[in-house]
Every structure is written in C-alpha cells, then in structure tokens.
Amino acid sequence: MARGAPAAPLRGKGPGQRARPGDTPDRPQPGGGRDAGPDLVSAPAETHYGVLGIGPRATPEQIERAYRHAAGLYDADALATYSLLDTEEREQARERVEAAYGVLRDPSRRHHYDVALGLVSEASSPPLAAAPPPPPGTGRAPVVVLPDPVTGPDLKRFRESRGISLREIATASKVGIRYLEYIEAERKDVLPAPVYLRGFVQEYARVVGLDPRPTAESYVARVVSAR
C-alpha cells in the first residue's frame, strides 16, 4: 500500500488508541488476514523500510510503489486516515515518508544507510540504478493527468500500464474491490452517490499515480450527467 501498502500503514489499535507514524504495517485484505508486502524480509518499523512498509531487499520499483501508497495515505483528504490522525500527526507521518523515500530511492544513500543498519558490509557495492526522481521542488513522485473526460476504461488501461492490481488499490485505499470494479466498468446502476464516488475515485487515482482531484471531478461529472 511490490505489492503492498502504506507508509507504515496504520496498525490495528484498541479503542481510543491512535496510530503513529512508523508503526508496524498491518495490511488488511478484503478476505481478512494480512498482506505480506513486497519483500519476505521484514524491517523494524522505526527504519526507513518500516515506514514504507517494505523489506530491505525491496527493488526500486517496489520502493516507488510503496512510496505512492504511503504518501497518499497521509494527504489531507485521504479517506483512510482523516478520522484517525490530527493535522500535526498527519504532517509528521508525511515527513517520515518523505525522509524514508529520499534515502531509499538514492542508491548511494541507501547503501550507506544499509551499512549503518548492519544489513550489508561497507565493502559491498550499492545498487546501480536509482528510481526516477520526483519533479524539482515537489519531493513527490510525478503524477499524471488524463485527458478530459476520464472514463472507466481509461482508468483501467492506466492502472494496467502501471502493473497495479485492484487488490493493491483496495489495500492501500480501503475502498472495496467491488466498487473499484464498478468504477472501471462504469456500473452506473450500482455506483455510490456522487459525494462518495468522488472520494473513491480520488483514492484510486492517488494509488495508481494520477492527479486525484481532476481525475475524480472529470469522471464523476461525466457519470452523473449520463445517469
């Protein structure tokens, strides 16, 4: 939320307890249970790997995907965390995500970090390739804006081009798979009310790397007008 989720997605808590940035990721799946994430080797939650919910053997592609999921969870309008974290806690979590991504996406910095953690020896060679850098000044992975109007098939094609499954989106966004399927198929007879549909499409867009607001506005406006 390379498959997997979140920025140290939120761990299940007891009544009255808040999740904190860096908590060990629990990734609920629609059928129950826990998603093992992109790597079989686990990492302590306080490490950069733990913050992104990945293991120390994660590939650059897995790091990019985990970062997109994690960054989306702590956006101001993210459905998954708006009622669990206050503004200050959300900002702290986002800063942790950005710091983790900044180190792990850079092969040299990641190598030195791994040496400091005792994961590799200082004499070992760092990875050769870095993940694509975010746009200057944003600190974020680039997002894409689809041409207007945005349709369900457009969303599906883009998702498949990124190699992201509906289960991954459901895990990262907490939106049920059946609603994601309805969105792609434009099942107007079973889609939720526009106010909820807009939020679902924003979460979908955020996970796959689309600009959430214009994607949702374009999709919802077209679907509503066609009803």
C-alpha atoms as a PDB file:
ATOM      1  CA  MET A   1       0.000   0.000   0.000  1.00  0.00           C
ATOM      2  CA  ALA A   2       5.684  -4.766  -4.546  1.00  0.00           C
ATOM      3  CA  ARG A   3       2.872  -5.221  -3.609  1.00  0.00           C
ATOM      4  CA  GLY A   4       1.531  -3.692  -0.654  1.00  0.00           C
ATOM      5  CA  ALA A   5       0.780  -0.684   1.117  1.00  0.00           C
ATOM      6  CA  PRO A   6       1.478   2.135   3.089  1.00  0.00           C
ATOM      7  CA  ALA A   7       3.599   4.437   4.820  1.00  0.00           C
ATOM      8  CA  ALA A   8       3.720   2.463   7.722  1.00  0.00           C
ATOM      9  CA  PRO A   9       0.074   1.888   7.201  1.00  0.00           C
ATOM     10  CA  LEU A  10      -1.937   2.138  10.306  1.00  0.00           C
ATOM     11  CA  ARG A  11      -1.673  -0.699  12.778  1.00  0.00           C
ATOM     12  CA  GLY A  12      -4.878  -2.007  14.291  1.00  0.00           C
ATOM     13  CA  LYS A  13      -5.366  -0.294  17.646  1.00  0.00           C
ATOM     14  CA  GLY A  14      -7.578  -0.784  20.612  1.00  0.00           C
ATOM     15  CA  PRO A  15     -10.339   1.702  21.477  1.00  0.00           C
ATOM     16  CA  GLY A  16      -9.045   5.203  21.980  1.00  0.00           C
ATOM     17  CA  GLN A  17      -5.573   4.490  20.622  1.00  0.00           C
ATOM     18  CA  ARG A  18      -4.093   6.392  17.709  1.00  0.00           C
ATOM     19  CA  ALA A  19      -1.761   5.062  15.085  1.00  0.00           C
ATOM     20  CA  ARG A  20       1.643   6.707  14.968  1.00  0.00           C
ATOM     21  CA  PRO A  21       3.993   7.282  12.043  1.00  0.00           C
ATOM     22  CA  GLY A  22       6.405   4.403  11.885  1.00  0.00           C
ATOM     23  CA  ASP A  23       4.052   1.807  13.415  1.00  0.00           C
ATOM     24  CA  THR A  24       4.498  -1.698  12.030  1.00  0.00           C
ATOM     25  CA  PRO A  25       2.312  -2.058   8.950  1.00  0.00           C
ATOM     26  CA  ASP A  26      -0.793  -4.204   9.132  1.00  0.00           C
ATOM     27  CA  ARG A  27      -2.314  -4.530   5.698  1.00  0.00           C
ATOM     28  CA  PRO A  28      -5.910  -5.701   5.906  1.00  0.00           C
ATOM     29  CA  GLN A  29      -7.193  -7.538   2.866  1.00  0.00           C
ATOM     30  CA  PRO A  30     -10.794  -7.803   1.732  1.00  0.00           C
ATOM     31  CA  GLY A  31     -10.837 -11.502   2.630  1.00  0.00           C
ATOM     32  CA  GLY A  32      -9.235 -10.902   6.011  1.00  0.00           C
ATOM     33  CA  GLY A  33      -5.696 -11.648   7.073  1.00  0.00           C
ATOM     34  CA  ARG A  34      -2.551  -9.764   6.285  1.00  0.00           C
ATOM     35  CA  ASP A  35      -0.659  -8.918   3.133  1.00  0.00           C
ATOM     36  CA  ALA A  36       2.970  -9.952   3.459  1.00  0.00           C
ATOM     37  CA  GLY A  37       4.102  -6.937   1.428  1.00  0.00           C
ATOM     38  CA  PRO A  38       6.677  -6.734  -1.336  1.00  0.00           C
ATOM     39  CA  ASP A  39       9.526  -8.461   0.467  1.00  0.00           C
ATOM     40  CA  LEU A  40       9.882 -11.579   2.575  1.00  0.00           C
ATOM     41  CA  VAL A  41      12.412  -9.896   4.857  1.00  0.00           C
ATOM     42  CA  SER A  42      10.747  -7.687   7.421  1.00  0.00           C
ATOM     43  CA  ALA A  43      12.188  -4.449   8.764  1.00  0.00           C
ATOM     44  CA  PRO A  44      11.710  -2.724  12.120  1.00  0.00           C
ATOM     45  CA  ALA A  45       9.036  -0.045  11.894  1.00  0.00           C
ATOM     46  CA  GLU A  46      11.438   2.699  13.011  1.00  0.00           C
ATOM     47  CA  THR A  47      13.640   2.196   9.940  1.00  0.00           C
ATOM     48  CA  HIS A  48      13.016   3.842   6.583  1.00  0.00           C
ATOM     49  CA  TYR A  49      11.995   0.439   5.266  1.00  0.00           C
ATOM     50  CA  GLY A  50       9.437   0.067   8.034  1.00  0.00           C
ATOM     51  CA  VAL A  51       7.984   3.497   7.327  1.00  0.00           C
ATOM     52  CA  LEU A  52       7.255   2.498   3.723  1.00  0.00           C
ATOM     53  CA  GLY A  53       6.089  -0.974   4.715  1.00  0.00           C
ATOM     54  CA  ILE A  54       8.752  -2.823   2.716  1.00  0.00           C
ATOM     55  CA  GLY A  55      11.694  -5.106   3.407  1.00  0.00           C
ATOM     56  CA  PRO A  56      15.426  -4.399   2.999  1.00  0.00           C
ATOM     57  CA  ARG A  57      15.543  -6.360  -0.277  1.00  0.00           C
ATOM     58  CA  ALA A  58      12.894  -4.175  -1.948  1.00  0.00           C
ATOM     59  CA  THR A  59      13.610  -3.206  -5.555  1.00  0.00           C
ATOM     60  CA  PRO A  60      13.490   0.411  -6.808  1.00  0.00           C
ATOM     61  CA  GLU A  61      10.111  -0.320  -8.397  1.00  0.00           C
ATOM     62  CA  GLN A  62       8.767  -1.638  -5.102  1.00  0.00           C
ATOM     63  CA  ILE A  63      10.068   1.438  -3.299  1.00  0.00           C
ATOM     64  CA  GLU A  64       8.333   3.730  -5.799  1.00  0.00           C
ATOM     65  CA  ARG A  65       5.051   1.885  -5.458  1.00  0.00           C
ATOM     66  CA  ALA A  66       5.202   1.764  -1.660  1.00  0.00           C
ATOM     67  CA  TYR A  67       6.001   5.480  -1.593  1.00  0.00           C
ATOM     68  CA  ARG A  68       2.981   6.360  -3.739  1.00  0.00           C
ATOM     69  CA  HIS A  69       0.736   4.329  -1.467  1.00  0.00           C
ATOM     70  CA  ALA A  70       2.213   5.783   1.703  1.00  0.00           C
ATOM     71  CA  ALA A  71       2.192   9.400   0.537  1.00  0.00           C
ATOM     72  CA  GLY A  72      -1.439   9.058  -0.495  1.00  0.00           C
ATOM     73  CA  LEU A  73      -2.461   7.781   2.926  1.00  0.00           C
ATOM     74  CA  TYR A  74      -1.382  10.977   4.629  1.00  0.00           C
ATOM     75  CA  ASP A  75      -2.750  13.541   2.180  1.00  0.00           C
ATOM     76  CA  ALA A  76      -5.162  15.963   3.805  1.00  0.00           C
ATOM     77  CA  ASP A  77      -8.194  14.471   2.051  1.00  0.00           C
ATOM     78  CA  ALA A  78      -7.230  10.789   2.352  1.00  0.00           C
ATOM     79  CA  LEU A  79     -10.252   8.737   3.395  1.00  0.00           C
ATOM     80  CA  ALA A  80      -8.164   6.137   5.194  1.00  0.00           C
ATOM     81  CA  THR A  81      -6.662   8.448   7.858  1.00  0.00           C
ATOM     82  CA  TYR A  82      -8.715  11.646   8.082  1.00  0.00           C
ATOM     83  CA  SER A  83     -10.559  10.489  11.211  1.00  0.00           C
ATOM     84  CA  LEU A  84      -7.570   8.747  12.828  1.00  0.00           C
ATOM     85  CA  LEU A  85      -4.876  11.409  12.765  1.00  0.00           C
ATOM     86  CA  ASP A  86      -4.999  15.108  13.521  1.00  0.00           C
ATOM     87  CA  THR A  87      -3.264  17.632  11.270  1.00  0.00           C
ATOM     88  CA  GLU A  88       0.011  17.620  13.194  1.00  0.00           C
ATOM     89  CA  GLU A  89       0.223  13.836  13.321  1.00  0.00           C
ATOM     90  CA  ARG A  90      -0.554  13.555   9.620  1.00  0.00           C
ATOM     91  CA  GLU A  91       2.164  16.080   8.778  1.00  0.00           C
ATOM     92  CA  GLN A  92       4.692  14.226  10.931  1.00  0.00           C
ATOM     93  CA  ALA A  93       3.792  10.990   9.180  1.00  0.00           C
ATOM     94  CA  ARG A  94       4.208  12.585   5.757  1.00  0.00           C
ATOM     95  CA  GLU A  95       7.608  13.964   6.750  1.00  0.00           C
ATOM     96  CA  ARG A  96       8.685  10.470   7.793  1.00  0.00           C
ATOM     97  CA  VAL A  97       7.520   9.091   4.458  1.00  0.00           C
ATOM     98  CA  GLU A  98       9.399  11.774   2.504  1.00  0.00           C
ATOM     99  CA  ALA A  99      12.573  11.242   4.543  1.00  0.00           C
ATOM    100  CA  ALA A 100      12.441   7.483   4.026  1.00  0.00           C
ATOM    101  CA  TYR A 101      11.824   7.831   0.304  1.00  0.00           C
ATOM    102  CA  GLY A 102      14.627  10.385  -0.081  1.00  0.00           C
ATOM    103  CA  VAL A 103      17.155   7.899   1.282  1.00  0.00           C
ATOM    104  CA  LEU A 104      15.890   4.670  -0.248  1.00  0.00           C
ATOM    105  CA  ARG A 105      15.423   5.959  -3.794  1.00  0.00           C
ATOM    106  CA  ASP A 106      19.085   7.040  -3.975  1.00  0.00           C
ATOM    107  CA  PRO A 107      21.408   4.015  -4.409  1.00  0.00           C
ATOM    108  CA  SER A 108      24.378   5.659  -2.700  1.00  0.00           C
ATOM    109  CA  ARG A 109      22.433   6.982   0.284  1.00  0.00           C
ATOM    110  CA  ARG A 110      20.590   3.691   0.601  1.00  0.00           C
ATOM    111  CA  HIS A 111      23.870   1.764   0.614  1.00  0.00           C
ATOM    112  CA  HIS A 112      25.315   3.913   3.403  1.00  0.00           C
ATOM    113  CA  TYR A 113      22.059   3.577   5.317  1.00  0.00           C
ATOM    114  CA  ASP A 114      22.112  -0.217   4.947  1.00  0.00           C
ATOM    115  CA  VAL A 115      25.716  -0.270   6.184  1.00  0.00           C
ATOM    116  CA  ALA A 116      24.697   1.767   9.238  1.00  0.00           C
ATOM    117  CA  LEU A 117      21.893  -0.722   9.951  1.00  0.00           C
ATOM    118  CA  GLY A 118      24.279  -3.649   9.562  1.00  0.00           C
ATOM    119  CA  LEU A 119      22.318  -5.038   6.620  1.00  0.00           C
ATOM    120  CA  VAL A 120      25.315  -5.049   4.257  1.00  0.00           C
ATOM    121  CA  SER A 121      29.068  -4.691   4.592  1.00  0.00           C
ATOM    122  CA  GLU A 122      30.766  -1.422   3.751  1.00  0.00           C
ATOM    123  CA  ALA A 123      32.774  -3.176   1.030  1.00  0.00           C
ATOM    124  CA  SER A 124      29.672  -4.322  -0.852  1.00  0.00           C
ATOM    125  CA  SER A 125      28.583  -2.434  -3.950  1.00  0.00           C
ATOM    126  CA  PRO A 126      25.491  -0.196  -3.936  1.00  0.00           C
ATOM    127  CA  PRO A 127      22.707  -0.793  -6.487  1.00  0.00           C
ATOM    128  CA  LEU A 128      23.456   0.583  -9.929  1.00  0.00           C
ATOM    129  CA  ALA A 129      20.147   2.190 -10.796  1.00  0.00           C
ATOM    130  CA  ALA A 130      18.053   4.733  -8.948  1.00  0.00           C
ATOM    131  CA  ALA A 131      14.308   5.105  -9.139  1.00  0.00           C
ATOM    132  CA  PRO A 132      13.073   8.015 -11.283  1.00  0.00           C
ATOM    133  CA  PRO A 133      13.393  11.321  -9.373  1.00  0.00           C
ATOM    134  CA  PRO A 134      10.331  13.370  -8.467  1.00  0.00           C
ATOM    135  CA  PRO A 135       9.772  16.726 -10.168  1.00  0.00           C
ATOM    136  CA  PRO A 136      12.057  19.508  -8.828  1.00  0.00           C
ATOM    137  CA  GLY A 137      10.735  21.149  -5.712  1.00  0.00           C
ATOM    138  CA  THR A 138       7.889  18.721  -5.095  1.00  0.00           C
ATOM    139  CA  GLY A 139       9.578  15.930  -3.185  1.00  0.00           C
ATOM    140  CA  ARG A 140       6.876  13.685  -4.612  1.00  0.00           C
ATOM    141  CA  ALA A 141       6.705  11.111  -7.363  1.00  0.00           C
ATOM    142  CA  PRO A 142       5.245  12.599 -10.554  1.00  0.00           C
ATOM    143  CA  VAL A 143       1.502  12.355 -11.139  1.00  0.00           C
ATOM    144  CA  VAL A 144      -0.309  12.126 -14.459  1.00  0.00           C
ATOM    145  CA  VAL A 145      -3.399  13.992 -15.662  1.00  0.00           C
ATOM    146  CA  LEU A 146      -5.548  12.054 -18.134  1.00  0.00           C
ATOM    147  CA  PRO A 147      -7.310  13.890 -20.975  1.00  0.00           C
ATOM    148  CA  ASP A 148     -10.855  15.020 -20.232  1.00  0.00           C
ATOM    149  CA  PRO A 149     -13.291  13.304 -19.988  1.00  0.00           C
ATOM    150  CA  VAL A 150     -11.922  10.490 -17.844  1.00  0.00           C
ATOM    151  CA  THR A 151     -13.713   7.164 -18.351  1.00  0.00           C
ATOM    152  CA  GLY A 152     -13.674   3.853 -16.515  1.00  0.00           C
ATOM    153  CA  PRO A 153     -11.787   2.120 -19.337  1.00  0.00           C
ATOM    154  CA  ASP A 154      -9.239   4.986 -19.264  1.00  0.00           C
ATOM    155  CA  LEU A 155      -8.609   4.297 -15.593  1.00  0.00           C
ATOM    156  CA  LYS A 156      -8.287   0.559 -16.160  1.00  0.00           C
ATOM    157  CA  ARG A 157      -5.809   0.988 -19.024  1.00  0.00           C
ATOM    158  CA  PHE A 158      -3.680   3.355 -16.966  1.00  0.00           C
ATOM    159  CA  ARG A 159      -3.738   1.059 -13.933  1.00  0.00           C
ATOM    160  CA  GLU A 160      -2.708  -1.952 -16.001  1.00  0.00           C
ATOM    161  CA  SER A 161       0.081   0.047 -17.651  1.00  0.00           C
ATOM    162  CA  ARG A 162       1.495   0.646 -14.162  1.00  0.00           C
ATOM    163  CA  GLY A 163       1.197  -3.017 -13.225  1.00  0.00           C
ATOM    164  CA  ILE A 164      -1.065  -2.306 -10.251  1.00  0.00           C
ATOM    165  CA  SER A 165      -3.828  -4.711  -9.264  1.00  0.00           C
ATOM    166  CA  LEU A 166      -7.238  -3.819  -7.887  1.00  0.00           C
ATOM    167  CA  ARG A 167      -6.324  -5.684  -4.713  1.00  0.00           C
ATOM    168  CA  GLU A 168      -3.356  -3.356  -4.210  1.00  0.00           C
ATOM    169  CA  ILE A 169      -5.610  -0.331  -4.625  1.00  0.00           C
ATOM    170  CA  ALA A 170      -8.144  -1.789  -2.199  1.00  0.00           C
ATOM    171  CA  THR A 171      -5.436  -2.493   0.378  1.00  0.00           C
ATOM    172  CA  ALA A 172      -3.930   0.989   0.135  1.00  0.00           C
ATOM    173  CA  SER A 173      -7.170   2.956  -0.109  1.00  0.00           C
ATOM    174  CA  LYS A 174      -9.577   0.846   1.989  1.00  0.00           C
ATOM    175  CA  VAL A 175     -12.072   1.057  -0.911  1.00  0.00           C
ATOM    176  CA  GLY A 176     -13.694  -2.323  -1.593  1.00  0.00           C
ATOM    177  CA  ILE A 177     -12.632  -4.197  -4.720  1.00  0.00           C
ATOM    178  CA  ARG A 178     -16.197  -4.471  -5.982  1.00  0.00           C
ATOM    179  CA  TYR A 179     -16.539  -0.671  -6.006  1.00  0.00           C
ATOM    180  CA  LEU A 180     -13.235  -0.367  -7.852  1.00  0.00           C
ATOM    181  CA  GLU A 181     -14.594  -2.821 -10.422  1.00  0.00           C
ATOM    182  CA  TYR A 182     -17.825  -0.812 -10.698  1.00  0.00           C
ATOM    183  CA  ILE A 183     -15.795   2.354 -11.296  1.00  0.00           C
ATOM    184  CA  GLU A 184     -13.764   0.805 -14.115  1.00  0.00           C
ATOM    185  CA  ALA A 185     -16.852  -0.795 -15.663  1.00  0.00           C
ATOM    186  CA  GLU A 186     -18.927   2.378 -15.159  1.00  0.00           C
ATOM    187  CA  ARG A 187     -21.722   0.423 -13.500  1.00  0.00           C
ATOM    188  CA  LYS A 188     -23.916   3.479 -13.059  1.00  0.00           C
ATOM    189  CA  ASP A 189     -26.709   1.395 -11.547  1.00  0.00           C
ATOM    190  CA  VAL A 190     -24.607   0.357  -8.550  1.00  0.00           C
ATOM    191  CA  LEU A 191     -22.118   3.210  -8.161  1.00  0.00           C
ATOM    192  CA  PRO A 192     -22.464   5.121  -4.862  1.00  0.00           C
ATOM    193  CA  ALA A 193     -23.754   8.681  -4.507  1.00  0.00           C
ATOM    194  CA  PRO A 194     -21.529  11.333  -6.150  1.00  0.00           C
ATOM    195  CA  VAL A 195     -20.068  12.559  -2.850  1.00  0.00           C
ATOM    196  CA  TYR A 196     -18.776   9.054  -2.048  1.00  0.00           C
ATOM    197  CA  LEU A 197     -17.898   8.223  -5.632  1.00  0.00           C
ATOM    198  CA  ARG A 198     -15.677  11.293  -5.816  1.00  0.00           C
ATOM    199  CA  GLY A 199     -13.721  10.136  -2.772  1.00  0.00           C
ATOM    200  CA  PHE A 200     -13.378   6.597  -4.115  1.00  0.00           C
ATOM    201  CA  VAL A 201     -12.056   7.805  -7.469  1.00  0.00           C
ATOM    202  CA  GLN A 202      -9.611  10.155  -5.738  1.00  0.00           C
ATOM    203  CA  GLU A 203      -8.216   7.244  -3.727  1.00  0.00           C
ATOM    204  CA  TYR A 204      -7.993   5.080  -6.863  1.00  0.00           C
ATOM    205  CA  ALA A 205      -6.168   7.860  -8.718  1.00  0.00           C
ATOM    206  CA  ARG A 206      -3.777   8.519  -5.862  1.00  0.00           C
ATOM    207  CA  VAL A 207      -2.640   4.901  -5.669  1.00  0.00           C
ATOM    208  CA  VAL A 208      -2.032   4.459  -9.408  1.00  0.00           C
ATOM    209  CA  GLY A 209      -0.222   7.787  -9.828  1.00  0.00           C
ATOM    210  CA  LEU A 210      -2.918  10.023 -11.317  1.00  0.00           C
ATOM    211  CA  ASP A 211      -3.724  13.532 -10.116  1.00  0.00           C
ATOM    212  CA  PRO A 212      -6.626  12.785  -7.729  1.00  0.00           C
ATOM    213  CA  ARG A 213      -8.784  15.922  -7.964  1.00  0.00           C
ATOM    214  CA  PRO A 214      -9.046  16.462 -11.724  1.00  0.00           C
ATOM    215  CA  THR A 215      -9.366  12.713 -12.293  1.00  0.00           C
ATOM    216  CA  ALA A 216     -12.268  12.415  -9.859  1.00  0.00           C
ATOM    217  CA  GLU A 217     -14.007  15.606 -10.992  1.00  0.00           C
ATOM    218  CA  SER A 218     -13.879  14.609 -14.654  1.00  0.00           C
ATOM    219  CA  TYR A 219     -15.037  11.039 -14.032  1.00  0.00           C
ATOM    220  CA  VAL A 220     -17.860  11.936 -11.643  1.00  0.00           C
ATOM    221  CA  ALA A 221     -19.171  14.807 -13.773  1.00  0.00           C
ATOM    222  CA  ARG A 222     -19.448  12.548 -16.816  1.00  0.00           C
ATOM    223  CA  VAL A 223     -21.039   9.650 -14.934  1.00  0.00           C
ATOM    224  CA  VAL A 224     -23.569  11.873 -13.160  1.00  0.00           C
ATOM    225  CA  SER A 225     -24.597  13.605 -16.373  1.00  0.00           C
ATOM    226  CA  ALA A 226     -25.134  10.226 -18.040  1.00  0.00           C
ATOM    227  CA  ARG A 227     -27.424   8.905 -15.305  1.00  0.00           C
END
